[in-house]
């Protein structure tokens, strides 16, 4: 059984037992999080599609960690103009373990 959910403006295919990193959620480590924006639920040959969301569809997950990703270096450079601009960015994330998928 698996589902397709929406969080942080992105879509994820999840199944019970999966671990994934999503955009930062306001939840502490060990908390349970529910996603009700479920686009699709599939259980073998039985597939339920939502318009836009599956009615009664719910995915439950446990927060395992909060953190920041690797640094991304941004460099803007103009040749022969004595211009170089450097910037770095580290994105916050929430690590989840999917515990249940229901429809």
PDB file of N, CA and C in Angstrom:
ATOM      1  N   UNK A   1       0.846  -1.178   0.000  1.00  0.00           N
ATOM      2  CA  UNK A   1       0.000   0.000   0.000  1.00  0.00           C
ATOM      3  C   UNK A   1       0.891   1.241   0.000  1.00  0.00           C
ATOM      4  N   UNK A   2       0.539   2.221  -0.847  1.00  0.00           N
ATOM      5  CA  UNK A   2       1.283   3.471  -0.880  1.00  0.00           C
ATOM      6  C   UNK A   2       0.340   4.620  -1.183  1.00  0.00           C
ATOM      7  N   UNK A   3       0.849   5.833  -0.973  1.00  0.00           N
ATOM      8  CA  UNK A   3       0.055   7.028  -1.219  1.00  0.00           C
ATOM      9  C   UNK A   3       0.948   8.117  -1.786  1.00  0.00           C
ATOM     10  N   UNK A   4       0.316   9.117  -2.401  1.00  0.00           N
ATOM     11  CA  UNK A   4       1.018  10.301  -2.877  1.00  0.00           C
ATOM     12  C   UNK A   4       0.459  11.478  -2.081  1.00  0.00           C
ATOM     13  N   UNK A   5       1.361  12.185  -1.351  1.00  0.00           N
ATOM     14  CA  UNK A   5       0.936  13.298  -0.507  1.00  0.00           C
ATOM     15  C   UNK A   5       1.578  14.596  -0.975  1.00  0.00           C
ATOM     16  N   UNK A   6       1.017  15.709  -0.516  1.00  0.00           N
ATOM     17  CA  UNK A   6       1.558  17.039  -0.820  1.00  0.00           C
ATOM     18  C   UNK A   6       1.973  17.697   0.484  1.00  0.00           C
ATOM     19  N   UNK A   7       3.214  18.163   0.568  1.00  0.00           N
ATOM     20  CA  UNK A   7       3.679  18.958   1.695  1.00  0.00           C
ATOM     21  C   UNK A   7       4.831  19.834   1.239  1.00  0.00           C
ATOM     22  N   UNK A   8       4.840  21.062   1.685  1.00  0.00           N
ATOM     23  CA  UNK A   8       5.906  21.987   1.308  1.00  0.00           C
ATOM     24  C   UNK A   8       5.952  22.302  -0.166  1.00  0.00           C
ATOM     25  N   UNK A   9       4.803  22.200  -0.855  1.00  0.00           N
ATOM     26  CA  UNK A   9       4.758  22.493  -2.282  1.00  0.00           C
ATOM     27  C   UNK A   9       5.315  21.392  -3.163  1.00  0.00           C
ATOM     28  N   UNK A  10       5.595  20.229  -2.580  1.00  0.00           N
ATOM     29  CA  UNK A  10       6.145  19.102  -3.337  1.00  0.00           C
ATOM     30  C   UNK A  10       5.279  17.873  -3.121  1.00  0.00           C
ATOM     31  N   UNK A  11       5.370  16.913  -4.041  1.00  0.00           N
ATOM     32  CA  UNK A  11       4.614  15.670  -3.933  1.00  0.00           C
ATOM     33  C   UNK A  11       5.576  14.530  -3.625  1.00  0.00           C
ATOM     34  N   UNK A  12       5.151  13.632  -2.738  1.00  0.00           N
ATOM     35  CA  UNK A  12       5.981  12.507  -2.319  1.00  0.00           C
ATOM     36  C   UNK A  12       5.171  11.222  -2.392  1.00  0.00           C
ATOM     37  N   UNK A  13       5.798  10.155  -2.888  1.00  0.00           N
ATOM     38  CA  UNK A  13       5.192   8.825  -2.882  1.00  0.00           C
ATOM     39  C   UNK A  13       5.683   8.137  -1.624  1.00  0.00           C
ATOM     40  N   UNK A  14       4.769   7.747  -0.739  1.00  0.00           N
ATOM     41  CA  UNK A  14       5.150   7.190   0.555  1.00  0.00           C
ATOM     42  C   UNK A  14       4.440   5.871   0.800  1.00  0.00           C
ATOM     43  N   UNK A  15       5.086   5.022   1.587  1.00  0.00           N
ATOM     44  CA  UNK A  15       4.529   3.746   2.014  1.00  0.00           C
ATOM     45  C   UNK A  15       4.916   3.552   3.479  1.00  0.00           C
ATOM     46  N   UNK A  16       4.177   2.749   4.230  1.00  0.00           N
ATOM     47  CA  UNK A  16       4.544   2.530   5.636  1.00  0.00           C
ATOM     48  C   UNK A  16       5.972   2.006   5.769  1.00  0.00           C
ATOM     49  N   UNK A  17       6.735   2.614   6.691  1.00  0.00           N
ATOM     50  CA  UNK A  17       8.124   2.237   6.896  1.00  0.00           C
ATOM     51  C   UNK A  17       9.118   3.111   6.156  1.00  0.00           C
ATOM     52  N   UNK A  18       8.650   3.931   5.222  1.00  0.00           N
ATOM     53  CA  UNK A  18       9.547   4.820   4.469  1.00  0.00           C
ATOM     54  C   UNK A  18      10.072   5.935   5.366  1.00  0.00           C
ATOM     55  N   UNK A  19      11.301   6.384   5.064  1.00  0.00           N
ATOM     56  CA  UNK A  19      11.882   7.555   5.713  1.00  0.00           C
ATOM     57  C   UNK A  19      12.127   8.588   4.634  1.00  0.00           C
ATOM     58  N   UNK A  20      11.735   9.841   4.891  1.00  0.00           N
ATOM     59  CA  UNK A  20      11.947  10.879   3.901  1.00  0.00           C
ATOM     60  C   UNK A  20      12.174  12.217   4.568  1.00  0.00           C
ATOM     61  N   UNK A  21      12.799  13.125   3.815  1.00  0.00           N
ATOM     62  CA  UNK A  21      13.056  14.487   4.275  1.00  0.00           C
ATOM     63  C   UNK A  21      12.123  15.421   3.531  1.00  0.00           C
ATOM     64  N   UNK A  22      11.415  16.251   4.292  1.00  0.00           N
ATOM     65  CA  UNK A  22      10.500  17.226   3.713  1.00  0.00           C
ATOM     66  C   UNK A  22      10.888  18.614   4.206  1.00  0.00           C
ATOM     67  N   UNK A  23      10.258  19.637   3.636  1.00  0.00           N
ATOM     68  CA  UNK A  23      10.487  21.003   4.109  1.00  0.00           C
ATOM     69  C   UNK A  23      10.120  21.079   5.584  1.00  0.00           C
ATOM     70  N   UNK A  24      10.744  22.007   6.310  1.00  0.00           N
ATOM     71  CA  UNK A  24      10.590  22.098   7.761  1.00  0.00           C
ATOM     72  C   UNK A  24       9.130  22.196   8.191  1.00  0.00           C
ATOM     73  N   UNK A  25       8.759  21.339   9.158  1.00  0.00           N
ATOM     74  CA  UNK A  25       7.435  21.359   9.767  1.00  0.00           C
ATOM     75  C   UNK A  25       7.564  21.800  11.221  1.00  0.00           C
ATOM     76  N   UNK A  26       6.539  22.470  11.741  1.00  0.00           N
ATOM     77  CA  UNK A  26       6.544  22.892  13.138  1.00  0.00           C
ATOM     78  C   UNK A  26       6.108  21.729  14.022  1.00  0.00           C
ATOM     79  N   UNK A  27       7.029  20.833  14.322  1.00  0.00           N
ATOM     80  CA  UNK A  27       6.771  19.689  15.179  1.00  0.00           C
ATOM     81  C   UNK A  27       8.083  19.279  15.842  1.00  0.00           C
ATOM     82  N   UNK A  28       7.986  18.830  17.076  1.00  0.00           N
ATOM     83  CA  UNK A  28       9.183  18.397  17.806  1.00  0.00           C
ATOM     84  C   UNK A  28       9.503  16.948  17.464  1.00  0.00           C
ATOM     85  N   UNK A  29      10.747  16.552  17.762  1.00  0.00           N
ATOM     86  CA  UNK A  29      11.144  15.159  17.533  1.00  0.00           C
ATOM     87  C   UNK A  29      10.273  14.241  18.363  1.00  0.00           C
ATOM     88  N   UNK A  30       9.809  13.159  17.738  1.00  0.00           N
ATOM     89  CA  UNK A  30       8.962  12.200  18.430  1.00  0.00           C
ATOM     90  C   UNK A  30       7.479  12.468  18.259  1.00  0.00           C
ATOM     91  N   UNK A  31       7.101  13.645  17.762  1.00  0.00           N
ATOM     92  CA  UNK A  31       5.687  13.966  17.549  1.00  0.00           C
ATOM     93  C   UNK A  31       5.128  13.191  16.359  1.00  0.00           C
ATOM     94  N   UNK A  32       3.811  12.993  16.382  1.00  0.00           N
ATOM     95  CA  UNK A  32       3.112  12.385  15.250  1.00  0.00           C
ATOM     96  C   UNK A  32       2.543  13.500  14.388  1.00  0.00           C
ATOM     97  N   UNK A  33       2.658  13.341  13.074  1.00  0.00           N
ATOM     98  CA  UNK A  33       2.179  14.338  12.119  1.00  0.00           C
ATOM     99  C   UNK A  33       1.216  13.638  11.172  1.00  0.00           C
ATOM    100  N   UNK A  34       0.084  14.303  10.865  1.00  0.00           N
ATOM    101  CA  UNK A  34      -0.889  13.744   9.927  1.00  0.00           C
ATOM    102  C   UNK A  34      -0.945  14.602   8.679  1.00  0.00           C
ATOM    103  N   UNK A  35      -1.001  13.949   7.528  1.00  0.00           N
ATOM    104  CA  UNK A  35      -1.148  14.625   6.243  1.00  0.00           C
ATOM    105  C   UNK A  35      -2.511  14.246   5.686  1.00  0.00           C
ATOM    106  N   UNK A  36      -3.361  15.263   5.454  1.00  0.00           N
ATOM    107  CA  UNK A  36      -4.678  14.978   4.897  1.00  0.00           C
ATOM    108  C   UNK A  36      -4.783  15.390   3.433  1.00  0.00           C
ATOM    109  N   UNK A  37      -3.724  15.971   2.882  1.00  0.00           N
ATOM    110  CA  UNK A  37      -3.698  16.299   1.466  1.00  0.00           C
ATOM    111  C   UNK A  37      -3.118  15.108   0.707  1.00  0.00           C
ATOM    112  N   UNK A  38      -3.956  14.094   0.508  1.00  0.00           N
ATOM    113  CA  UNK A  38      -3.553  12.848  -0.143  1.00  0.00           C
ATOM    114  C   UNK A  38      -4.112  12.864  -1.560  1.00  0.00           C
ATOM    115  N   UNK A  39      -3.239  12.788  -2.557  1.00  0.00           N
ATOM    116  CA  UNK A  39      -3.658  12.841  -3.953  1.00  0.00           C
ATOM    117  C   UNK A  39      -4.086  11.483  -4.484  1.00  0.00           C
ATOM    118  N   UNK A  40      -3.447  10.407  -3.983  1.00  0.00           N
ATOM    119  CA  UNK A  40      -3.728   9.072  -4.498  1.00  0.00           C
ATOM    120  C   UNK A  40      -3.398   8.039  -3.439  1.00  0.00           C
ATOM    121  N   UNK A  41      -4.194   6.981  -3.376  1.00  0.00           N
ATOM    122  CA  UNK A  41      -3.919   5.844  -2.500  1.00  0.00           C
ATOM    123  C   UNK A  41      -4.051   4.585  -3.338  1.00  0.00           C
ATOM    124  N   UNK A  42      -3.059   3.704  -3.277  1.00  0.00           N
ATOM    125  CA  UNK A  42      -3.084   2.455  -4.038  1.00  0.00           C
ATOM    126  C   UNK A  42      -2.828   1.291  -3.099  1.00  0.00           C
ATOM    127  N   UNK A  43      -3.665   0.265  -3.227  1.00  0.00           N
ATOM    128  CA  UNK A  43      -3.510  -0.964  -2.457  1.00  0.00           C
ATOM    129  C   UNK A  43      -3.642  -2.126  -3.435  1.00  0.00           C
ATOM    130  N   UNK A  44      -2.523  -2.540  -4.000  1.00  0.00           N
ATOM    131  CA  UNK A  44      -2.544  -3.584  -5.019  1.00  0.00           C
ATOM    132  C   UNK A  44      -3.198  -3.058  -6.290  1.00  0.00           C
ATOM    133  N   UNK A  45      -4.282  -3.700  -6.724  1.00  0.00           N
ATOM    134  CA  UNK A  45      -5.006  -3.278  -7.927  1.00  0.00           C
ATOM    135  C   UNK A  45      -6.020  -2.181  -7.620  1.00  0.00           C
ATOM    136  N   UNK A  46      -6.348  -1.964  -6.346  1.00  0.00           N
ATOM    137  CA  UNK A  46      -7.324  -0.951  -5.950  1.00  0.00           C
ATOM    138  C   UNK A  46      -6.642   0.409  -5.849  1.00  0.00           C
ATOM    139  N   UNK A  47      -6.969   1.318  -6.781  1.00  0.00           N
ATOM    140  CA  UNK A  47      -6.351   2.651  -6.818  1.00  0.00           C
ATOM    141  C   UNK A  47      -7.445   3.700  -6.661  1.00  0.00           C
ATOM    142  N   UNK A  48      -7.248   4.616  -5.703  1.00  0.00           N
ATOM    143  CA  UNK A  48      -8.198   5.708  -5.492  1.00  0.00           C
ATOM    144  C   UNK A  48      -7.495   7.019  -5.828  1.00  0.00           C
ATOM    145  N   UNK A  49      -8.084   7.762  -6.773  1.00  0.00           N
ATOM    146  CA  UNK A  49      -7.556   9.060  -7.162  1.00  0.00           C
ATOM    147  C   UNK A  49      -8.448  10.142  -6.585  1.00  0.00           C
ATOM    148  N   UNK A  50      -7.837  11.241  -6.161  1.00  0.00           N
ATOM    149  CA  UNK A  50      -8.600  12.339  -5.598  1.00  0.00           C
ATOM    150  C   UNK A  50      -8.842  13.430  -6.609  1.00  0.00           C
ATOM    151  N   UNK A  51      -9.879  14.250  -6.329  1.00  0.00           N
ATOM    152  CA  UNK A  51     -10.179  15.394  -7.183  1.00  0.00           C
ATOM    153  C   UNK A  51     -10.379  16.609  -6.311  1.00  0.00           C
ATOM    154  N   UNK A  52      -9.399  17.331  -5.825  1.00  0.00           N
ATOM    155  CA  UNK A  52      -7.969  17.061  -5.961  1.00  0.00           C
ATOM    156  C   UNK A  52      -7.441  16.100  -4.906  1.00  0.00           C
ATOM    157  N   UNK A  53      -8.158  15.924  -3.757  1.00  0.00           N
ATOM    158  CA  UNK A  53      -7.664  15.053  -2.693  1.00  0.00           C
ATOM    159  C   UNK A  53      -8.613  13.892  -2.471  1.00  0.00           C
ATOM    160  N   UNK A  54      -8.056  12.762  -2.000  1.00  0.00           N
ATOM    161  CA  UNK A  54      -8.851  11.584  -1.690  1.00  0.00           C
ATOM    162  C   UNK A  54      -9.668  11.877  -0.436  1.00  0.00           C
ATOM    163  N   UNK A  55     -10.963  11.648  -0.516  1.00  0.00           N
ATOM    164  CA  UNK A  55     -11.832  11.906   0.622  1.00  0.00           C
ATOM    165  C   UNK A  55     -11.587  10.855   1.698  1.00  0.00           C
ATOM    166  N   UNK A  56     -11.272  11.314   2.903  1.00  0.00           N
ATOM    167  CA  UNK A  56     -10.986  10.393   4.008  1.00  0.00           C
ATOM    168  C   UNK A  56      -9.570   9.831   3.977  1.00  0.00           C
ATOM    169  N   UNK A  57      -8.758  10.274   3.049  1.00  0.00           N
ATOM    170  CA  UNK A  57      -7.375   9.801   2.963  1.00  0.00           C
ATOM    171  C   UNK A  57      -6.506  10.472   4.009  1.00  0.00           C
ATOM    172  N   UNK A  58      -5.650   9.677   4.647  1.00  0.00           N
ATOM    173  CA  UNK A  58      -4.801  10.226   5.693  1.00  0.00           C
ATOM    174  C   UNK A  58      -3.506   9.424   5.764  1.00  0.00           C
ATOM    175  N   UNK A  59      -2.397  10.136   5.942  1.00  0.00           N
ATOM    176  CA  UNK A  59      -1.090   9.509   6.124  1.00  0.00           C
ATOM    177  C   UNK A  59      -0.538  10.003   7.454  1.00  0.00           C
ATOM    178  N   UNK A  60      -0.104   9.070   8.297  1.00  0.00           N
ATOM    179  CA  UNK A  60       0.451   9.403   9.604  1.00  0.00           C
ATOM    180  C   UNK A  60       1.945   9.126   9.592  1.00  0.00           C
ATOM    181  N   UNK A  61       2.717  10.061  10.185  1.00  0.00           N
ATOM    182  CA  UNK A  61       4.172   9.925  10.221  1.00  0.00           C
ATOM    183  C   UNK A  61       4.684  10.357  11.586  1.00  0.00           C
ATOM    184  N   UNK A  62       5.891   9.887  11.917  1.00  0.00           N
ATOM    185  CA  UNK A  62       6.543  10.268  13.159  1.00  0.00           C
ATOM    186  C   UNK A  62       7.781  11.084  12.817  1.00  0.00           C
ATOM    187  N   UNK A  63       7.974  12.203  13.522  1.00  0.00           N
ATOM    188  CA  UNK A  63       9.139  13.058  13.285  1.00  0.00           C
ATOM    189  C   UNK A  63      10.350  12.412  13.954  1.00  0.00           C
ATOM    190  N   UNK A  64      11.369  12.083  13.152  1.00  0.00           N
ATOM    191  CA  UNK A  64      12.573  11.456  13.706  1.00  0.00           C
ATOM    192  C   UNK A  64      13.702  12.457  13.921  1.00  0.00           C
ATOM    193  N   UNK A  65      13.732  13.555  13.138  1.00  0.00           N
ATOM    194  CA  UNK A  65      14.816  14.533  13.290  1.00  0.00           C
ATOM    195  C   UNK A  65      14.443  15.848  12.635  1.00  0.00           C
ATOM    196  N   UNK A  66      15.025  16.912  13.142  1.00  0.00           N
ATOM    197  CA  UNK A  66      14.967  18.242  12.528  1.00  0.00           C
ATOM    198  C   UNK A  66      16.413  18.621  12.216  1.00  0.00           C
ATOM    199  N   UNK A  67      16.658  19.239  11.087  1.00  0.00           N
ATOM    200  CA  UNK A  67      18.045  19.583  10.778  1.00  0.00           C
ATOM    201  C   UNK A  67      18.159  20.555   9.628  1.00  0.00           C
ATOM    202  N   UNK A  68      19.407  20.697   9.177  1.00  0.00           N
ATOM    203  CA  UNK A  68      19.709  21.555   8.039  1.00  0.00           C
ATOM    204  C   UNK A  68      20.518  20.762   7.029  1.00  0.00           C
ATOM    205  N   UNK A  69      20.265  21.015   5.764  1.00  0.00           N
ATOM    206  CA  UNK A  69      20.949  20.300   4.697  1.00  0.00           C
ATOM    207  C   UNK A  69      22.363  20.810   4.476  1.00  0.00           C
ATOM    208  N   UNK A  70      23.012  20.250   3.461  1.00  0.00           N
ATOM    209  CA  UNK A  70      24.355  20.689   3.101  1.00  0.00           C
ATOM    210  C   UNK A  70      24.328  22.104   2.561  1.00  0.00           C
ATOM    211  N   UNK A  71      25.456  22.791   2.688  1.00  0.00           N
ATOM    212  CA  UNK A  71      25.543  24.165   2.213  1.00  0.00           C
ATOM    213  C   UNK A  71      25.604  24.189   0.685  1.00  0.00           C
ATOM    214  N   UNK A  72      24.818  25.092   0.114  1.00  0.00           N
ATOM    215  CA  UNK A  72      24.832  25.327  -1.321  1.00  0.00           C
ATOM    216  C   UNK A  72      25.540  26.655  -1.534  1.00  0.00           C
ATOM    217  N   UNK A  73      26.608  26.651  -2.339  1.00  0.00           N
ATOM    218  CA  UNK A  73      27.380  27.867  -2.612  1.00  0.00           C
ATOM    219  C   UNK A  73      26.825  28.545  -3.858  1.00  0.00           C
ATOM    220  N   UNK A  74      26.538  29.831  -3.742  1.00  0.00           N
ATOM    221  CA  UNK A  74      26.072  30.624  -4.880  1.00  0.00           C
ATOM    222  C   UNK A  74      27.158  31.641  -5.201  1.00  0.00           C
ATOM    223  N   UNK A  75      27.638  31.631  -6.451  1.00  0.00           N
ATOM    224  CA  UNK A  75      28.677  32.572  -6.869  1.00  0.00           C
ATOM    225  C   UNK A  75      28.198  33.295  -8.121  1.00  0.00           C
ATOM    226  N   UNK A  76      28.179  34.636  -8.055  1.00  0.00           N
ATOM    227  CA  UNK A  76      27.852  35.453  -9.216  1.00  0.00           C
ATOM    228  C   UNK A  76      29.137  36.177  -9.609  1.00  0.00           C
ATOM    229  N   UNK A  77      29.534  36.032 -10.855  1.00  0.00           N
ATOM    230  CA  UNK A  77      30.836  36.519 -11.293  1.00  0.00           C
ATOM    231  C   UNK A  77      30.687  37.194 -12.653  1.00  0.00           C
ATOM    232  N   UNK A  78      31.242  38.410 -12.768  1.00  0.00           N
ATOM    233  CA  UNK A  78      31.277  39.096 -14.047  1.00  0.00           C
ATOM    234  C   UNK A  78      32.739  39.262 -14.448  1.00  0.00           C
ATOM    235  N   UNK A  79      33.100  38.671 -15.556  1.00  0.00           N
ATOM    236  CA  UNK A  79      34.489  38.725 -15.962  1.00  0.00           C
ATOM    237  C   UNK A  79      34.884  40.139 -16.381  1.00  0.00           C
ATOM    238  N   UNK A  80      36.107  40.473 -16.092  1.00  0.00           N
ATOM    239  CA  UNK A  80      36.729  41.763 -16.446  1.00  0.00           C
ATOM    240  C   UNK A  80      36.028  42.971 -15.818  1.00  0.00           C
ATOM    241  N   UNK A  81      35.204  42.785 -14.814  1.00  0.00           N
ATOM    242  CA  UNK A  81      34.488  43.903 -14.200  1.00  0.00           C
ATOM    243  C   UNK A  81      34.831  44.063 -12.727  1.00  0.00           C
ATOM    244  N   UNK A  82      35.755  43.269 -12.208  1.00  0.00           N
ATOM    245  CA  UNK A  82      36.105  43.282 -10.784  1.00  0.00           C
ATOM    246  C   UNK A  82      34.867  43.095  -9.917  1.00  0.00           C
ATOM    247  N   UNK A  83      34.044  42.131 -10.312  1.00  0.00           N
ATOM    248  CA  UNK A  83      32.809  41.886  -9.562  1.00  0.00           C
ATOM    249  C   UNK A  83      32.644  40.396  -9.297  1.00  0.00           C
ATOM    250  N   UNK A  84      32.563  40.046  -8.008  1.00  0.00           N
ATOM    251  CA  UNK A  84      32.255  38.665  -7.630  1.00  0.00           C
ATOM    252  C   UNK A  84      31.453  38.713  -6.340  1.00  0.00           C
ATOM    253  N   UNK A  85      30.379  37.975  -6.328  1.00  0.00           N
ATOM    254  CA  UNK A  85      29.505  37.951  -5.158  1.00  0.00           C
ATOM    255  C   UNK A  85      29.333  36.504  -4.723  1.00  0.00           C
ATOM    256  N   UNK A  86      29.570  36.226  -3.441  1.00  0.00           N
ATOM    257  CA  UNK A  86      29.426  34.877  -2.908  1.00  0.00           C
ATOM    258  C   UNK A  86      28.305  34.850  -1.889  1.00  0.00           C
ATOM    259  N   UNK A  87      27.590  33.740  -1.862  1.00  0.00           N
ATOM    260  CA  UNK A  87      26.511  33.568  -0.905  1.00  0.00           C
ATOM    261  C   UNK A  87      26.347  32.078  -0.640  1.00  0.00           C
ATOM    262  N   UNK A  88      25.921  31.743   0.560  1.00  0.00           N
ATOM    263  CA  UNK A  88      25.678  30.356   0.911  1.00  0.00           C
ATOM    264  C   UNK A  88      24.268  30.187   1.450  1.00  0.00           C
ATOM    265  N   UNK A  89      23.749  28.951   1.396  1.00  0.00           N
ATOM    266  CA  UNK A  89      22.403  28.675   1.889  1.00  0.00           C
ATOM    267  C   UNK A  89      22.336  27.249   2.414  1.00  0.00           C
ATOM    268  N   UNK A  90      21.716  27.082   3.582  1.00  0.00           N
ATOM    269  CA  UNK A  90      21.448  25.748   4.133  1.00  0.00           C
ATOM    270  C   UNK A  90      19.963  25.660   4.418  1.00  0.00           C
ATOM    271  N   UNK A  91      19.285  24.721   3.762  1.00  0.00           N
ATOM    272  CA  UNK A  91      17.837  24.580   3.881  1.00  0.00           C
ATOM    273  C   UNK A  91      17.481  23.752   5.111  1.00  0.00           C
ATOM    274  N   UNK A  92      16.480  24.198   5.871  1.00  0.00           N
ATOM    275  CA  UNK A  92      15.972  23.432   7.006  1.00  0.00           C
ATOM    276  C   UNK A  92      15.117  22.273   6.493  1.00  0.00           C
ATOM    277  N   UNK A  93      15.152  21.135   7.191  1.00  0.00           N
ATOM    278  CA  UNK A  93      14.331  19.991   6.811  1.00  0.00           C
ATOM    279  C   UNK A  93      13.802  19.277   8.050  1.00  0.00           C
ATOM    280  N   UNK A  94      12.787  18.463   7.841  1.00  0.00           N
ATOM    281  CA  UNK A  94      12.231  17.584   8.868  1.00  0.00           C
ATOM    282  C   UNK A  94      12.304  16.179   8.322  1.00  0.00           C
ATOM    283  N   UNK A  95      12.862  15.264   9.089  1.00  0.00           N
ATOM    284  CA  UNK A  95      12.963  13.876   8.674  1.00  0.00           C
ATOM    285  C   UNK A  95      11.789  13.104   9.279  1.00  0.00           C
ATOM    286  N   UNK A  96      11.076  12.367   8.437  1.00  0.00           N
ATOM    287  CA  UNK A  96       9.873  11.656   8.858  1.00  0.00           C
ATOM    288  C   UNK A  96      10.002  10.163   8.611  1.00  0.00           C
ATOM    289  N   UNK A  97       9.303   9.391   9.447  1.00  0.00           N
ATOM    290  CA  UNK A  97       9.127   7.953   9.204  1.00  0.00           C
ATOM    291  C   UNK A  97       7.630   7.707   9.087  1.00  0.00           C
ATOM    292  N   UNK A  98       7.201   7.188   7.953  1.00  0.00           N
ATOM    293  CA  UNK A  98       5.783   6.957   7.687  1.00  0.00           C
ATOM    294  C   UNK A  98       5.327   5.737   8.494  1.00  0.00           C
ATOM    295  N   UNK A  99       4.248   5.912   9.264  1.00  0.00           N
ATOM    296  CA  UNK A  99       3.758   4.817  10.102  1.00  0.00           C
ATOM    297  C   UNK A  99       2.489   4.204   9.572  1.00  0.00           C
ATOM    298  N   UNK A 100       1.608   4.995   8.931  1.00  0.00           N
ATOM    299  CA  UNK A 100       0.323   4.445   8.502  1.00  0.00           C
ATOM    300  C   UNK A 100      -0.206   5.203   7.284  1.00  0.00           C
ATOM    301  N   UNK A 101      -0.838   4.446   6.370  1.00  0.00           N
ATOM    302  CA  UNK A 101      -1.515   5.013   5.218  1.00  0.00           C
ATOM    303  C   UNK A 101      -2.932   4.469   5.224  1.00  0.00           C
ATOM    304  N   UNK A 102      -3.939   5.374   5.195  1.00  0.00           N
ATOM    305  CA  UNK A 102      -5.327   4.905   5.185  1.00  0.00           C
ATOM    306  C   UNK A 102      -6.146   5.743   4.228  1.00  0.00           C
ATOM    307  N   UNK A 103      -7.232   5.119   3.737  1.00  0.00           N
ATOM    308  CA  UNK A 103      -8.118   5.830   2.801  1.00  0.00           C
ATOM    309  C   UNK A 103      -9.568   5.511   3.142  1.00  0.00           C
TER     310      UNK A 103
END
